[in-house]
Amino acid sequence: MSKFSISLSMIALLTAAGASAPAQASQDSLLVNRVQQEQGMNLPTRGMSMAQVEQKFGAPQRKLDPRGGANARQPVINRWDYANFIVYFEQSHVIHAVLNTPAGNNTNPASVK
């Protein structure tokens, strides 16, 4: 293999690597924006019970069927969809709440079956 073909191979490799960098940077900035938005919003907090969430935020638009629960390592996970956020429960307590934004795959939870 000649030095010229090695150089071309290196240029092609570096060009391909550089092409994915802007896409990753864009995803990173979307994630940062989403986290900043979440911090400024009144969302359910970790540890709240289902009853507390429903009392404070009202009934969700949709309650998905529980998932998991096959064994102790796979606890039952519930998901409730509200207009602006989604709440995840382990058993009956909040483990995470996220904004319903285009930054994730939950752009339109009503369309998920």
N, C-alpha and C. Protein backbone atom coordinates (compact mmCIF):
# COMPACT_ATOMS: atom_id res chain seq x y z
N MET A 1 0.86 -1.17 0.00
CA MET A 1 0.00 0.00 0.00
C MET A 1 0.90 1.23 0.00
N SER A 2 0.60 2.17 -0.85
CA SER A 2 1.45 3.36 -0.97
C SER A 2 1.12 4.38 0.11
N LYS A 3 2.03 5.31 0.32
CA LYS A 3 1.80 6.38 1.30
C LYS A 3 0.61 7.23 0.88
N PHE A 4 0.44 7.38 -0.44
CA PHE A 4 -0.68 8.18 -0.95
C PHE A 4 -2.02 7.54 -0.59
N SER A 5 -2.15 6.24 -0.78
CA SER A 5 -3.42 5.57 -0.48
C SER A 5 -3.68 5.53 1.02
N ILE A 6 -2.63 5.43 1.83
CA ILE A 6 -2.80 5.49 3.28
C ILE A 6 -3.29 6.88 3.67
N SER A 7 -2.73 7.91 3.07
CA SER A 7 -3.14 9.28 3.37
C SER A 7 -4.60 9.50 2.99
N LEU A 8 -4.99 9.00 1.81
CA LEU A 8 -6.39 9.14 1.40
C LEU A 8 -7.32 8.40 2.36
N SER A 9 -6.89 7.23 2.80
CA SER A 9 -7.71 6.47 3.75
C SER A 9 -7.87 7.24 5.06
N MET A 10 -6.80 7.85 5.54
CA MET A 10 -6.85 8.62 6.77
C MET A 10 -7.75 9.84 6.62
N ILE A 11 -7.66 10.52 5.47
CA ILE A 11 -8.50 11.69 5.22
C ILE A 11 -9.97 11.29 5.19
N ALA A 12 -10.27 10.19 4.53
CA ALA A 12 -11.65 9.72 4.46
C ALA A 12 -12.17 9.37 5.85
N LEU A 13 -11.34 8.70 6.65
CA LEU A 13 -11.73 8.32 8.01
C LEU A 13 -11.98 9.55 8.88
N LEU A 14 -11.08 10.51 8.83
CA LEU A 14 -11.23 11.73 9.63
C LEU A 14 -12.43 12.55 9.19
N THR A 15 -12.68 12.59 7.88
CA THR A 15 -13.84 13.32 7.37
C THR A 15 -15.13 12.68 7.86
N ALA A 16 -15.20 11.36 7.82
CA ALA A 16 -16.39 10.65 8.29
C ALA A 16 -16.61 10.87 9.78
N ALA A 17 -15.54 10.86 10.55
CA ALA A 17 -15.65 11.08 11.99
C ALA A 17 -16.12 12.50 12.27
N GLY A 18 -15.62 13.45 11.53
CA GLY A 18 -16.00 14.86 11.73
C GLY A 18 -17.42 15.13 11.34
N ALA A 19 -17.97 14.37 10.39
CA ALA A 19 -19.34 14.60 9.94
C ALA A 19 -20.35 14.27 11.02
N SER A 20 -20.04 13.31 11.90
CA SER A 20 -20.99 12.95 12.95
C SER A 20 -20.89 13.88 14.15
N ALA A 21 -19.83 14.66 14.28
CA ALA A 21 -19.65 15.54 15.43
C ALA A 21 -20.74 16.60 15.53
N PRO A 22 -21.14 17.29 14.44
CA PRO A 22 -22.22 18.28 14.59
C PRO A 22 -23.54 17.67 15.03
N ALA A 23 -23.85 16.48 14.55
CA ALA A 23 -25.10 15.83 14.95
C ALA A 23 -25.07 15.53 16.44
N GLN A 24 -23.96 15.04 16.96
CA GLN A 24 -23.84 14.74 18.38
C GLN A 24 -23.92 16.02 19.20
N ALA A 25 -23.27 17.07 18.73
CA ALA A 25 -23.32 18.36 19.44
C ALA A 25 -24.75 18.88 19.51
N SER A 26 -25.50 18.71 18.44
CA SER A 26 -26.88 19.15 18.40
C SER A 26 -27.73 18.37 19.41
N GLN A 27 -27.53 17.05 19.48
CA GLN A 27 -28.26 16.23 20.44
C GLN A 27 -27.89 16.61 21.87
N ASP A 28 -26.61 16.88 22.10
CA ASP A 28 -26.16 17.27 23.43
C ASP A 28 -26.80 18.58 23.86
N SER A 29 -26.86 19.56 22.95
CA SER A 29 -27.45 20.85 23.32
C SER A 29 -28.95 20.70 23.57
N LEU A 30 -29.63 19.83 22.84
CA LEU A 30 -31.05 19.59 23.08
C LEU A 30 -31.26 18.99 24.47
N LEU A 31 -30.39 18.06 24.85
CA LEU A 31 -30.49 17.43 26.16
C LEU A 31 -30.25 18.45 27.26
N VAL A 32 -29.25 19.31 27.09
CA VAL A 32 -28.96 20.36 28.07
C VAL A 32 -30.16 21.29 28.20
N ASN A 33 -30.74 21.70 27.07
CA ASN A 33 -31.92 22.58 27.10
C ASN A 33 -33.08 21.91 27.82
N ARG A 34 -33.26 20.64 27.57
CA ARG A 34 -34.36 19.91 28.19
C ARG A 34 -34.18 19.83 29.70
N VAL A 35 -32.97 19.54 30.14
CA VAL A 35 -32.70 19.46 31.58
C VAL A 35 -32.92 20.82 32.24
N GLN A 36 -32.48 21.89 31.59
CA GLN A 36 -32.68 23.23 32.13
C GLN A 36 -34.17 23.56 32.24
N GLN A 37 -34.96 23.18 31.24
CA GLN A 37 -36.40 23.41 31.29
C GLN A 37 -37.03 22.64 32.44
N GLU A 38 -36.62 21.37 32.61
CA GLU A 38 -37.18 20.54 33.67
C GLU A 38 -36.90 21.14 35.04
N GLN A 39 -35.71 21.71 35.22
CA GLN A 39 -35.35 22.28 36.51
C GLN A 39 -36.22 23.49 36.85
N GLY A 40 -36.71 24.18 35.86
CA GLY A 40 -37.54 25.35 36.09
C GLY A 40 -39.02 25.05 36.21
N MET A 41 -39.40 23.79 36.05
CA MET A 41 -40.82 23.43 36.07
C MET A 41 -41.20 22.72 37.36
N ASN A 42 -42.46 22.77 37.65
CA ASN A 42 -43.02 22.07 38.79
C ASN A 42 -43.41 20.66 38.31
N LEU A 43 -42.52 19.69 38.51
CA LEU A 43 -42.76 18.31 38.10
C LEU A 43 -42.86 17.43 39.34
N PRO A 44 -43.50 16.27 39.23
CA PRO A 44 -43.49 15.34 40.36
C PRO A 44 -42.05 14.99 40.74
N THR A 45 -41.83 14.85 42.03
CA THR A 45 -40.47 14.57 42.51
C THR A 45 -40.33 13.11 42.92
N ARG A 46 -39.11 12.65 42.85
CA ARG A 46 -38.78 11.27 43.21
C ARG A 46 -39.33 10.95 44.60
N GLY A 47 -40.00 9.82 44.70
CA GLY A 47 -40.52 9.37 45.98
C GLY A 47 -41.99 9.68 46.21
N MET A 48 -42.56 10.60 45.43
CA MET A 48 -43.99 10.89 45.59
C MET A 48 -44.80 9.64 45.26
N SER A 49 -45.90 9.45 45.98
CA SER A 49 -46.77 8.31 45.69
C SER A 49 -47.68 8.66 44.51
N MET A 50 -48.30 7.64 43.95
CA MET A 50 -49.26 7.87 42.87
C MET A 50 -50.39 8.77 43.34
N ALA A 51 -50.85 8.54 44.57
CA ALA A 51 -51.95 9.35 45.11
C ALA A 51 -51.52 10.81 45.24
N GLN A 52 -50.29 11.05 45.70
CA GLN A 52 -49.79 12.42 45.83
C GLN A 52 -49.68 13.11 44.47
N VAL A 53 -49.20 12.37 43.47
CA VAL A 53 -49.08 12.94 42.12
C VAL A 53 -50.46 13.30 41.59
N GLU A 54 -51.41 12.40 41.73
CA GLU A 54 -52.76 12.67 41.22
C GLU A 54 -53.42 13.81 41.99
N GLN A 55 -53.16 13.91 43.28
CA GLN A 55 -53.73 14.99 44.08
C GLN A 55 -53.16 16.34 43.64
N LYS A 56 -51.85 16.38 43.40
CA LYS A 56 -51.20 17.65 43.08
C LYS A 56 -51.35 18.05 41.61
N PHE A 57 -51.32 17.09 40.69
CA PHE A 57 -51.30 17.39 39.26
C PHE A 57 -52.58 16.98 38.53
N GLY A 58 -53.49 16.35 39.23
CA GLY A 58 -54.73 15.90 38.60
C GLY A 58 -54.55 14.54 37.94
N ALA A 59 -55.62 14.08 37.35
CA ALA A 59 -55.59 12.78 36.67
C ALA A 59 -54.75 12.88 35.40
N PRO A 60 -53.96 11.87 35.11
CA PRO A 60 -53.18 11.90 33.87
C PRO A 60 -54.08 11.73 32.65
N GLN A 61 -53.58 12.15 31.50
CA GLN A 61 -54.32 11.94 30.25
C GLN A 61 -54.42 10.46 29.94
N ARG A 62 -53.37 9.74 30.36
CA ARG A 62 -53.34 8.31 30.04
C ARG A 62 -52.43 7.59 31.03
N LYS A 63 -52.86 6.40 31.44
CA LYS A 63 -52.05 5.52 32.28
C LYS A 63 -51.73 4.28 31.44
N LEU A 64 -50.46 4.09 31.16
CA LEU A 64 -50.07 2.93 30.38
C LEU A 64 -50.12 1.68 31.25
N ASP A 65 -50.28 0.52 30.61
CA ASP A 65 -50.26 -0.74 31.33
C ASP A 65 -48.91 -0.91 32.01
N PRO A 66 -48.89 -1.48 33.22
CA PRO A 66 -47.62 -1.70 33.91
C PRO A 66 -46.71 -2.65 33.12
N ARG A 67 -45.43 -2.46 33.28
CA ARG A 67 -44.42 -3.32 32.64
C ARG A 67 -43.52 -3.89 33.72
N GLY A 68 -42.92 -5.04 33.43
CA GLY A 68 -41.99 -5.66 34.36
C GLY A 68 -42.71 -6.44 35.44
N GLY A 69 -42.01 -6.63 36.57
CA GLY A 69 -42.59 -7.35 37.69
C GLY A 69 -42.37 -8.84 37.66
N ALA A 70 -41.57 -9.32 36.69
CA ALA A 70 -41.34 -10.75 36.59
C ALA A 70 -40.55 -11.30 37.78
N ASN A 71 -39.68 -10.46 38.34
CA ASN A 71 -38.91 -10.87 39.51
C ASN A 71 -38.42 -9.61 40.25
N ALA A 72 -37.66 -9.81 41.32
CA ALA A 72 -37.20 -8.69 42.14
C ALA A 72 -36.28 -7.75 41.38
N ARG A 73 -35.58 -8.25 40.38
CA ARG A 73 -34.68 -7.41 39.59
C ARG A 73 -35.41 -6.63 38.51
N GLN A 74 -36.66 -6.95 38.28
CA GLN A 74 -37.48 -6.26 37.29
C GLN A 74 -38.78 -5.79 37.95
N PRO A 75 -38.70 -4.71 38.74
CA PRO A 75 -39.90 -4.26 39.44
C PRO A 75 -40.95 -3.73 38.46
N VAL A 76 -42.15 -3.66 38.94
CA VAL A 76 -43.25 -3.13 38.12
C VAL A 76 -42.99 -1.64 37.88
N ILE A 77 -43.04 -1.23 36.60
CA ILE A 77 -42.87 0.16 36.21
C ILE A 77 -44.18 0.64 35.59
N ASN A 78 -44.68 1.76 36.08
CA ASN A 78 -45.88 2.39 35.53
C ASN A 78 -45.50 3.71 34.90
N ARG A 79 -46.25 4.10 33.87
CA ARG A 79 -46.02 5.38 33.19
C ARG A 79 -47.35 6.10 33.06
N TRP A 80 -47.33 7.35 33.50
CA TRP A 80 -48.50 8.21 33.35
C TRP A 80 -48.13 9.35 32.44
N ASP A 81 -48.98 9.62 31.47
CA ASP A 81 -48.76 10.72 30.53
C ASP A 81 -49.65 11.91 30.86
N TYR A 82 -49.03 13.05 31.05
CA TYR A 82 -49.72 14.32 31.23
C TYR A 82 -49.47 15.15 29.96
N ALA A 83 -50.13 16.27 29.84
CA ALA A 83 -49.99 17.10 28.63
C ALA A 83 -48.55 17.56 28.41
N ASN A 84 -47.84 17.95 29.48
CA ASN A 84 -46.50 18.52 29.32
C ASN A 84 -45.38 17.66 29.88
N PHE A 85 -45.71 16.58 30.55
CA PHE A 85 -44.66 15.73 31.12
C PHE A 85 -45.14 14.29 31.25
N ILE A 86 -44.17 13.43 31.51
CA ILE A 86 -44.41 12.00 31.69
C ILE A 86 -43.81 11.60 33.03
N VAL A 87 -44.54 10.78 33.78
CA VAL A 87 -44.07 10.34 35.09
C VAL A 87 -43.88 8.83 35.06
N TYR A 88 -42.73 8.38 35.57
CA TYR A 88 -42.42 6.96 35.67
C TYR A 88 -42.43 6.57 37.15
N PHE A 89 -43.12 5.48 37.45
CA PHE A 89 -43.22 4.98 38.82
C PHE A 89 -42.60 3.60 38.90
N GLU A 90 -41.92 3.34 40.00
CA GLU A 90 -41.51 1.97 40.34
C GLU A 90 -42.45 1.55 41.45
N GLN A 91 -43.18 0.47 41.21
CA GLN A 91 -44.28 0.08 42.07
C GLN A 91 -45.27 1.25 42.09
N SER A 92 -45.35 2.00 43.19
CA SER A 92 -46.32 3.10 43.26
C SER A 92 -45.66 4.43 43.61
N HIS A 93 -44.35 4.53 43.42
CA HIS A 93 -43.64 5.77 43.76
C HIS A 93 -42.84 6.30 42.56
N VAL A 94 -42.81 7.63 42.44
CA VAL A 94 -42.11 8.29 41.33
C VAL A 94 -40.63 7.95 41.37
N ILE A 95 -40.11 7.55 40.21
CA ILE A 95 -38.66 7.40 40.07
C ILE A 95 -38.10 8.46 39.13
N HIS A 96 -38.98 9.01 38.23
CA HIS A 96 -38.50 10.03 37.30
C HIS A 96 -39.69 10.71 36.64
N ALA A 97 -39.52 12.00 36.37
CA ALA A 97 -40.51 12.75 35.59
C ALA A 97 -39.75 13.55 34.55
N VAL A 98 -40.22 13.52 33.31
CA VAL A 98 -39.54 14.20 32.21
C VAL A 98 -40.53 15.04 31.42
N LEU A 99 -40.01 16.11 30.82
CA LEU A 99 -40.83 16.93 29.95
C LEU A 99 -41.23 16.16 28.71
N ASN A 100 -42.39 16.43 28.22
CA ASN A 100 -42.85 15.85 26.97
C ASN A 100 -42.45 16.83 25.86
N THR A 101 -41.23 16.69 25.35
CA THR A 101 -40.70 17.62 24.36
C THR A 101 -40.16 16.86 23.15
N PRO A 102 -39.95 17.57 22.04
CA PRO A 102 -39.39 16.93 20.86
C PRO A 102 -37.94 16.49 21.04
N ALA A 103 -37.31 16.83 22.17
CA ALA A 103 -35.92 16.43 22.39
C ALA A 103 -35.79 14.92 22.57
N GLY A 104 -36.88 14.25 22.90
CA GLY A 104 -36.83 12.82 23.11
C GLY A 104 -37.71 12.10 22.11
N ASN A 105 -37.98 10.84 22.39
CA ASN A 105 -38.83 10.07 21.49
C ASN A 105 -40.28 10.15 21.95
N ASN A 106 -40.60 11.04 22.85
CA ASN A 106 -41.94 11.14 23.40
C ASN A 106 -42.64 12.40 22.92
N THR A 107 -42.46 12.75 21.66
CA THR A 107 -43.01 13.97 21.10
C THR A 107 -44.53 14.01 21.23
N ASN A 108 -45.17 12.89 21.02
CA ASN A 108 -46.62 12.83 21.07
C ASN A 108 -47.04 11.53 21.77
N PRO A 109 -47.11 11.54 23.10
CA PRO A 109 -47.41 10.29 23.80
C PRO A 109 -48.75 9.70 23.42
N ALA A 110 -49.69 10.51 22.98
CA ALA A 110 -51.00 9.99 22.61
C ALA A 110 -50.91 9.07 21.40
N SER A 111 -49.84 9.23 20.59
CA SER A 111 -49.72 8.40 19.39
C SER A 111 -49.08 7.05 19.69
N VAL A 112 -48.54 6.88 20.88
CA VAL A 112 -47.91 5.60 21.27
C VAL A 112 -48.99 4.65 21.71
N LYS A 113 -49.00 3.50 21.11
CA LYS A 113 -50.02 2.49 21.46
C LYS A 113 -49.43 1.42 22.31
